[in-house]
Amino acid sequence: MSKTAASHPLCSTDDISERLEELQLTLGEGPCVDAFMHGSAVLTPDLLTGALQDRWTVFADAALEAGARAVFALPLQIGAISPGVLDLYADVPTVLGAEELADAMAFADLATLLLLDARIDETGGPVDGALADRGFQDLGGYRAEIDQATGILTVQLDVGIDEAFVRLRAHAYVQGRRLADVAADVVAHRLRFSPHAEPQQTDEEP
């Protein structure tokens, strides 16, 4: 994650965790966003807690629908360096005990060291192919297509990169689609945005 560029997940362990990350990226809210912005762990034992419905107006319900009931976000930090967040979830209400929280924080520390060792840059990809020998050749590919789609939208909409990314996220949310799928359609020219009209979907490639 970065405060100066759009953030993207590097790895997810199952379909639910992947969906949770996509939701937070698309909506711009959730435990991951809060943990990164504030630099402290966000522990949510039960997403049905009333206060969370106000805090994460859309994410809480969407996460429940995706199959999560408890979510935990641990910032990856060494000193002033913060390359991202480790997110965990449970499908039942869950309170992390002291030992479980200690284990989670240990994994977060390890993930931080791995990211720094791999020299992940702000684009979400490895610098100079640093991960090629670790079996992570596709790391950052998710981001690459979204960034490519965002770049295309800067031309189609005649706007800056930040506004283009907002428009891409907004369309994915309104249509109830995954951000990666919308980005793939833009890159493949199956979806075109216009400054003065609704985005046009086509099944044909140019």
Protein backbone atom coordinates (compact mmCIF):
# COMPACT_ATOMS: atom_id res chain seq x y z
CA MET A 1 0.00 0.00 0.00
CA SER A 2 1.04 3.59 -0.59
CA LYS A 3 -0.26 7.01 0.37
CA THR A 4 0.80 8.39 -3.01
CA ALA A 5 -0.50 5.69 -5.36
CA ALA A 6 -3.47 3.36 -5.66
CA SER A 7 -3.15 0.25 -3.48
CA HIS A 8 -3.60 -3.32 -4.61
CA PRO A 9 -3.54 -6.78 -3.00
CA LEU A 10 -0.44 -8.86 -3.66
CA CYS A 11 -1.72 -12.19 -2.39
CA SER A 12 -4.90 -13.80 -1.07
CA THR A 13 -5.34 -17.28 0.34
CA ASP A 14 -8.89 -18.05 -0.77
CA ASP A 15 -11.90 -16.64 -2.61
CA ILE A 16 -13.33 -14.87 0.45
CA SER A 17 -10.09 -13.10 1.34
CA GLU A 18 -9.68 -12.07 -2.30
CA ARG A 19 -13.21 -10.66 -2.34
CA LEU A 20 -12.63 -8.75 0.91
CA GLU A 21 -9.54 -7.08 -0.53
CA GLU A 22 -11.35 -6.18 -3.74
CA LEU A 23 -14.22 -4.70 -1.75
CA GLN A 24 -11.89 -2.48 0.28
CA LEU A 25 -10.04 -1.39 -2.83
CA THR A 26 -13.27 -0.62 -4.66
CA LEU A 27 -15.04 1.08 -1.74
CA GLY A 28 -12.05 2.83 -0.19
CA GLU A 29 -13.14 1.77 3.31
CA GLY A 30 -12.65 -1.13 5.69
CA PRO A 31 -10.22 -2.43 8.30
CA CYS A 32 -7.28 -2.58 5.90
CA VAL A 33 -7.71 1.09 4.95
CA ASP A 34 -8.03 2.15 8.61
CA ALA A 35 -5.03 0.09 9.74
CA PHE A 36 -2.82 1.59 7.05
CA MET A 37 -3.94 5.17 7.59
CA HIS A 38 -3.65 5.06 11.40
CA GLY A 39 -0.73 2.64 11.71
CA SER A 40 -2.47 0.46 14.29
CA ALA A 41 -4.22 -2.91 14.32
CA VAL A 42 -7.95 -3.01 13.63
CA LEU A 43 -9.60 -5.96 15.36
CA THR A 44 -13.25 -6.58 14.51
CA PRO A 45 -14.66 -9.67 16.29
CA ASP A 46 -18.14 -9.29 14.77
CA LEU A 47 -19.14 -7.30 11.68
CA LEU A 48 -22.73 -7.21 12.92
CA THR A 49 -21.73 -4.77 15.66
CA GLY A 50 -23.93 -1.70 15.24
CA ALA A 51 -21.09 0.83 15.38
CA LEU A 52 -19.38 -0.83 12.43
CA GLN A 53 -22.45 -0.36 10.28
CA ASP A 54 -21.89 3.39 10.71
CA ARG A 55 -18.10 3.23 10.43
CA TRP A 56 -18.00 1.14 7.24
CA THR A 57 -21.37 1.98 5.74
CA VAL A 58 -21.05 -0.27 2.70
CA PHE A 59 -18.13 -2.57 3.45
CA ALA A 60 -19.62 -4.19 6.56
CA ASP A 61 -22.68 -5.56 4.76
CA ALA A 62 -20.69 -6.49 1.65
CA ALA A 63 -18.11 -8.38 3.74
CA LEU A 64 -20.87 -10.30 5.52
CA GLU A 65 -22.37 -11.22 2.16
CA ALA A 66 -18.93 -12.37 0.97
CA GLY A 67 -18.74 -14.84 3.87
CA ALA A 68 -16.77 -13.00 6.57
CA ARG A 69 -18.04 -12.40 10.08
CA ALA A 70 -14.86 -11.20 11.82
CA VAL A 71 -12.00 -9.25 10.25
CA PHE A 72 -8.58 -8.25 11.52
CA ALA A 73 -6.07 -5.91 9.90
CA LEU A 74 -2.45 -5.64 11.04
CA PRO A 75 -0.22 -2.92 9.56
CA LEU A 76 3.12 -4.06 8.21
CA GLN A 77 5.62 -1.71 9.79
CA ILE A 78 9.30 -1.33 10.57
CA GLY A 79 9.96 2.11 11.99
CA ALA A 80 8.60 4.68 9.57
CA ILE A 81 8.37 2.14 6.75
CA SER A 82 4.89 0.74 6.11
CA PRO A 83 4.59 -1.33 2.90
CA GLY A 84 1.08 -2.62 3.52
CA VAL A 85 -1.35 -4.51 5.74
CA LEU A 86 -1.96 -8.15 6.60
CA ASP A 87 -5.70 -8.91 6.64
CA LEU A 88 -7.30 -11.91 8.30
CA TYR A 89 -10.92 -13.03 8.52
CA ALA A 90 -13.12 -15.63 10.20
CA ASP A 91 -16.54 -16.88 9.12
CA VAL A 92 -17.86 -16.85 12.69
CA PRO A 93 -17.67 -14.20 15.44
CA THR A 94 -14.11 -14.44 16.75
CA VAL A 95 -12.14 -12.77 19.51
CA LEU A 96 -8.38 -13.22 19.17
CA GLY A 97 -6.78 -14.37 22.41
CA ALA A 98 -3.42 -13.03 23.53
CA GLU A 99 -1.50 -15.94 21.99
CA GLU A 100 -3.44 -15.79 18.73
CA LEU A 101 -2.85 -12.04 18.44
CA ALA A 102 0.84 -12.54 19.16
CA ASP A 103 0.99 -15.17 16.40
CA ALA A 104 -0.79 -12.85 13.97
CA MET A 105 1.61 -10.02 14.75
CA ALA A 106 4.55 -12.37 14.25
CA PHE A 107 3.21 -13.26 10.80
CA ALA A 108 2.78 -9.56 10.06
CA ASP A 109 6.40 -8.91 11.03
CA LEU A 110 7.52 -11.77 8.79
CA ALA A 111 5.43 -10.48 5.88
CA THR A 112 6.99 -7.04 6.34
CA LEU A 113 10.51 -8.47 6.16
CA LEU A 114 9.63 -10.54 3.08
CA LEU A 115 8.19 -7.51 1.28
CA LEU A 116 11.21 -5.37 2.09
CA ASP A 117 13.58 -8.18 1.15
CA ALA A 118 11.73 -8.61 -2.16
CA ARG A 119 11.94 -4.85 -2.68
CA ILE A 120 8.31 -4.40 -3.68
CA ASP A 121 8.05 -0.91 -5.16
CA GLU A 122 5.11 1.49 -5.17
CA THR A 123 3.73 -0.04 -8.37
CA GLY A 124 3.10 -3.28 -6.47
CA GLY A 125 5.66 -5.22 -8.49
CA PRO A 126 9.14 -6.55 -7.63
CA VAL A 127 12.13 -4.38 -8.46
CA ASP A 128 14.51 -5.91 -11.03
CA GLY A 129 12.71 -9.25 -10.95
CA ALA A 130 13.66 -9.75 -7.30
CA LEU A 131 10.94 -12.36 -6.74
CA ALA A 132 11.58 -14.51 -9.80
CA ASP A 133 13.44 -17.14 -7.78
CA ARG A 134 10.73 -17.27 -5.10
CA GLY A 135 7.90 -18.49 -7.32
CA PHE A 136 6.09 -15.13 -7.30
CA GLN A 137 6.52 -14.23 -10.97
CA ASP A 138 2.90 -13.03 -11.22
CA LEU A 139 3.07 -10.87 -8.09
CA GLY A 140 1.75 -7.45 -9.02
CA GLY A 141 0.00 -8.67 -12.16
CA TYR A 142 -3.36 -7.84 -10.59
CA ARG A 143 -2.23 -4.26 -10.18
CA ALA A 144 -0.67 -4.03 -13.63
CA GLU A 145 -3.99 -4.51 -15.44
CA ILE A 146 -5.82 -2.09 -13.14
CA ASP A 147 -3.11 0.51 -13.65
CA GLN A 148 -3.24 -0.04 -17.41
CA ALA A 149 -7.02 0.44 -17.38
CA THR A 150 -6.65 3.58 -15.26
CA GLY A 151 -4.17 4.96 -17.77
CA ILE A 152 -6.60 4.30 -20.62
CA LEU A 153 -9.32 6.18 -18.73
CA THR A 154 -7.10 9.25 -18.34
CA VAL A 155 -7.18 9.49 -22.15
CA GLN A 156 -10.84 8.56 -22.63
CA LEU A 157 -12.06 10.96 -19.93
CA ASP A 158 -9.32 13.59 -20.21
CA VAL A 159 -8.74 13.51 -16.44
CA GLY A 160 -5.83 12.90 -14.08
CA ILE A 161 -4.78 9.47 -12.86
CA ASP A 162 -6.48 9.82 -9.45
CA GLU A 163 -9.83 10.82 -10.98
CA ALA A 164 -9.56 8.00 -13.53
CA PHE A 165 -9.05 5.46 -10.75
CA VAL A 166 -12.04 6.85 -8.84
CA ARG A 167 -14.20 6.51 -11.95
CA LEU A 168 -13.02 2.93 -12.47
CA ARG A 169 -13.84 2.02 -8.87
CA ALA A 170 -17.20 3.77 -9.00
CA HIS A 171 -18.26 1.90 -12.14
CA ALA A 172 -17.26 -1.45 -10.61
CA TYR A 173 -19.25 -0.67 -7.47
CA VAL A 174 -22.38 0.57 -9.28
CA GLN A 175 -22.39 -2.45 -11.57
CA GLY A 176 -21.69 -4.88 -8.73
CA ARG A 177 -18.66 -6.21 -10.57
CA ARG A 178 -15.12 -7.05 -9.49
CA LEU A 179 -12.66 -4.25 -10.11
CA ALA A 180 -10.27 -6.61 -11.87
CA ASP A 181 -13.00 -7.70 -14.30
CA VAL A 182 -13.90 -4.10 -15.15
CA ALA A 183 -10.22 -3.29 -15.67
CA ALA A 184 -9.85 -6.31 -17.97
CA ASP A 185 -12.79 -5.10 -20.08
CA VAL A 186 -11.26 -1.62 -20.38
CA VAL A 187 -7.88 -2.99 -21.40
CA ALA A 188 -9.48 -5.35 -23.94
CA HIS A 189 -11.59 -2.43 -25.29
CA ARG A 190 -14.80 -4.21 -24.36
CA LEU A 191 -15.71 -1.23 -22.17
CA ARG A 192 -15.24 2.40 -23.11
CA PHE A 193 -15.75 5.45 -20.90
CA SER A 194 -16.91 8.83 -22.18
CA PRO A 195 -16.80 12.26 -20.48
CA HIS A 196 -20.41 12.98 -21.48
CA ALA A 197 -22.12 9.58 -21.50
CA GLU A 198 -22.41 6.35 -19.54
CA PRO A 199 -19.67 3.75 -20.14
CA GLN A 200 -20.48 1.58 -23.15
CA GLN A 201 -20.05 -2.21 -23.00
CA THR A 202 -19.43 -4.23 -26.14
CA ASP A 203 -18.70 -7.91 -26.71
CA GLU A 204 -16.47 -7.15 -29.64
CA GLU A 205 -12.82 -6.27 -29.51
CA PRO A 206 -11.48 -3.70 -31.98
